[in-house]
Amino acid sequence: MASDHEEGGGKRQRVSRACDLCRRKKIKCDGSIPICGNCKAFALECTYKDTTKKVI
């Protein structure tokens, strides 16, 4: 049986892409656009560069 707090979707949603600062510092990014939560909290510039996909 699932408890009340497990029913709310136990797994976290994965962010499609992290901002450049969070990616560089390797910290959790909420992916909010135009400014993520970490950059907003510290009044930093929040940028998202285009990512390139690996070619096999």
N, C-alpha and C. Protein backbone atom coordinates (compact mmCIF):
# COMPACT_ATOMS: atom_id res chain seq x y z
N MET A 1 0.83 -1.20 0.00
CA MET A 1 0.00 0.00 0.00
C MET A 1 0.86 1.25 0.00
N ALA A 2 0.46 2.23 -0.77
CA ALA A 2 1.20 3.49 -0.85
C ALA A 2 0.71 4.44 0.23
N SER A 3 1.65 5.13 0.84
CA SER A 3 1.25 6.12 1.84
C SER A 3 0.82 7.40 1.13
N ASP A 4 0.24 8.33 1.87
CA ASP A 4 -0.30 9.56 1.27
C ASP A 4 0.73 10.37 0.50
N HIS A 5 1.95 10.47 1.02
CA HIS A 5 2.95 11.31 0.36
C HIS A 5 3.63 10.61 -0.81
N GLU A 6 3.40 9.31 -1.00
CA GLU A 6 3.96 8.61 -2.16
C GLU A 6 3.04 8.69 -3.37
N GLU A 7 1.76 8.97 -3.15
CA GLU A 7 0.80 9.00 -4.25
C GLU A 7 0.98 10.21 -5.16
N GLY A 8 1.61 11.27 -4.70
CA GLY A 8 1.75 12.49 -5.46
C GLY A 8 2.77 12.42 -6.58
N GLY A 9 3.06 11.27 -7.13
CA GLY A 9 4.03 11.17 -8.21
C GLY A 9 5.43 11.06 -7.67
N GLY A 10 5.75 9.99 -7.01
CA GLY A 10 7.02 9.78 -6.31
C GLY A 10 8.28 10.16 -7.05
N LYS A 11 8.32 10.00 -8.39
CA LYS A 11 9.54 10.33 -9.13
C LYS A 11 9.57 11.80 -9.48
N ARG A 12 10.78 12.36 -9.48
CA ARG A 12 10.94 13.76 -9.88
C ARG A 12 10.93 13.89 -11.39
N GLN A 13 10.43 15.03 -11.85
CA GLN A 13 10.44 15.32 -13.29
C GLN A 13 11.86 15.75 -13.66
N ARG A 14 12.40 15.20 -14.72
CA ARG A 14 13.74 15.57 -15.16
C ARG A 14 13.66 16.82 -16.02
N VAL A 15 14.53 17.78 -15.73
CA VAL A 15 14.56 19.02 -16.49
C VAL A 15 15.17 18.74 -17.85
N SER A 16 14.56 19.30 -18.90
CA SER A 16 15.05 19.02 -20.25
C SER A 16 16.45 19.59 -20.46
N ARG A 17 16.73 20.75 -19.85
CA ARG A 17 18.10 21.25 -19.94
C ARG A 17 18.36 22.25 -18.83
N ALA A 18 19.58 22.21 -18.32
CA ALA A 18 20.00 23.09 -17.24
C ALA A 18 20.64 24.35 -17.82
N CYS A 19 20.59 25.43 -17.06
CA CYS A 19 21.24 26.66 -17.53
C CYS A 19 22.76 26.48 -17.48
N ASP A 20 23.46 27.40 -18.12
CA ASP A 20 24.92 27.28 -18.23
C ASP A 20 25.61 27.30 -16.86
N LEU A 21 25.14 28.15 -15.95
CA LEU A 21 25.77 28.25 -14.63
C LEU A 21 25.59 26.96 -13.83
N CYS A 22 24.36 26.45 -13.79
CA CYS A 22 24.09 25.20 -13.06
C CYS A 22 24.86 24.04 -13.67
N ARG A 23 24.96 24.03 -14.99
CA ARG A 23 25.71 22.98 -15.67
C ARG A 23 27.19 23.05 -15.31
N ARG A 24 27.73 24.27 -15.26
CA ARG A 24 29.15 24.46 -14.94
C ARG A 24 29.43 24.09 -13.49
N LYS A 25 28.51 24.45 -12.57
CA LYS A 25 28.72 24.15 -11.15
C LYS A 25 28.23 22.75 -10.77
N LYS A 26 27.57 22.09 -11.73
CA LYS A 26 27.02 20.75 -11.52
C LYS A 26 26.05 20.73 -10.34
N ILE A 27 25.10 21.65 -10.39
CA ILE A 27 24.06 21.70 -9.37
C ILE A 27 22.69 21.54 -10.01
N LYS A 28 21.70 21.20 -9.22
CA LYS A 28 20.34 20.97 -9.72
C LYS A 28 19.73 22.26 -10.23
N CYS A 29 19.24 22.23 -11.45
CA CYS A 29 18.62 23.41 -12.07
C CYS A 29 17.13 23.11 -12.26
N ASP A 30 16.26 24.08 -11.94
CA ASP A 30 14.84 23.85 -12.14
C ASP A 30 14.39 24.11 -13.58
N GLY A 31 15.30 24.67 -14.40
CA GLY A 31 15.02 24.85 -15.81
C GLY A 31 14.04 25.95 -16.15
N SER A 32 13.73 26.82 -15.19
CA SER A 32 12.80 27.92 -15.46
C SER A 32 13.42 28.90 -16.44
N ILE A 33 12.58 29.39 -17.35
CA ILE A 33 13.04 30.36 -18.34
C ILE A 33 12.23 31.63 -18.14
N PRO A 34 12.81 32.81 -18.14
CA PRO A 34 14.17 33.14 -18.56
C PRO A 34 15.21 32.99 -17.44
N ILE A 35 14.80 32.92 -16.17
CA ILE A 35 15.78 32.84 -15.08
C ILE A 35 15.43 31.65 -14.18
N CYS A 36 16.40 30.76 -13.98
CA CYS A 36 16.15 29.61 -13.11
C CYS A 36 16.19 30.04 -11.64
N GLY A 37 15.75 29.19 -10.76
CA GLY A 37 15.67 29.50 -9.33
C GLY A 37 17.01 29.83 -8.71
N ASN A 38 18.07 29.10 -9.09
CA ASN A 38 19.40 29.36 -8.52
C ASN A 38 19.92 30.73 -8.93
N CYS A 39 19.81 31.06 -10.20
CA CYS A 39 20.29 32.36 -10.69
C CYS A 39 19.47 33.50 -10.10
N LYS A 40 18.16 33.29 -9.95
CA LYS A 40 17.29 34.31 -9.37
C LYS A 40 17.65 34.57 -7.91
N ALA A 41 17.93 33.50 -7.16
CA ALA A 41 18.26 33.63 -5.74
C ALA A 41 19.54 34.41 -5.52
N PHE A 42 20.50 34.27 -6.43
CA PHE A 42 21.79 34.95 -6.27
C PHE A 42 21.96 36.13 -7.22
N ALA A 43 20.88 36.53 -7.90
CA ALA A 43 20.88 37.67 -8.83
C ALA A 43 22.00 37.54 -9.87
N LEU A 44 22.09 36.37 -10.49
CA LEU A 44 23.11 36.11 -11.50
C LEU A 44 22.47 36.06 -12.88
N GLU A 45 23.29 36.26 -13.90
CA GLU A 45 22.80 36.16 -15.27
C GLU A 45 22.54 34.70 -15.61
N CYS A 46 21.37 34.42 -16.11
CA CYS A 46 20.98 33.05 -16.44
C CYS A 46 20.93 32.91 -17.95
N THR A 47 21.80 32.06 -18.50
CA THR A 47 21.85 31.87 -19.94
C THR A 47 21.69 30.40 -20.29
N TYR A 48 21.09 30.16 -21.43
CA TYR A 48 20.92 28.80 -21.95
C TYR A 48 21.54 28.77 -23.35
N LYS A 49 22.65 28.07 -23.49
CA LYS A 49 23.26 27.92 -24.81
C LYS A 49 22.66 26.71 -25.50
N ASP A 50 22.66 26.76 -26.82
CA ASP A 50 22.18 25.61 -27.58
C ASP A 50 23.11 24.43 -27.34
N THR A 51 22.53 23.30 -27.03
CA THR A 51 23.34 22.11 -26.80
C THR A 51 23.46 21.31 -28.08
N THR A 52 24.60 20.69 -28.26
CA THR A 52 24.80 19.83 -29.43
C THR A 52 24.67 18.39 -28.99
N LYS A 53 24.07 17.61 -29.84
CA LYS A 53 23.88 16.19 -29.54
C LYS A 53 25.09 15.41 -30.02
N LYS A 54 25.42 14.36 -29.27
CA LYS A 54 26.55 13.51 -29.66
C LYS A 54 26.22 12.74 -30.92
N VAL A 55 27.19 12.63 -31.79
CA VAL A 55 27.03 11.84 -33.01
C VAL A 55 27.69 10.50 -32.77
N ILE A 56 26.96 9.46 -33.05
CA ILE A 56 27.48 8.12 -32.79
C ILE A 56 28.41 7.68 -33.90
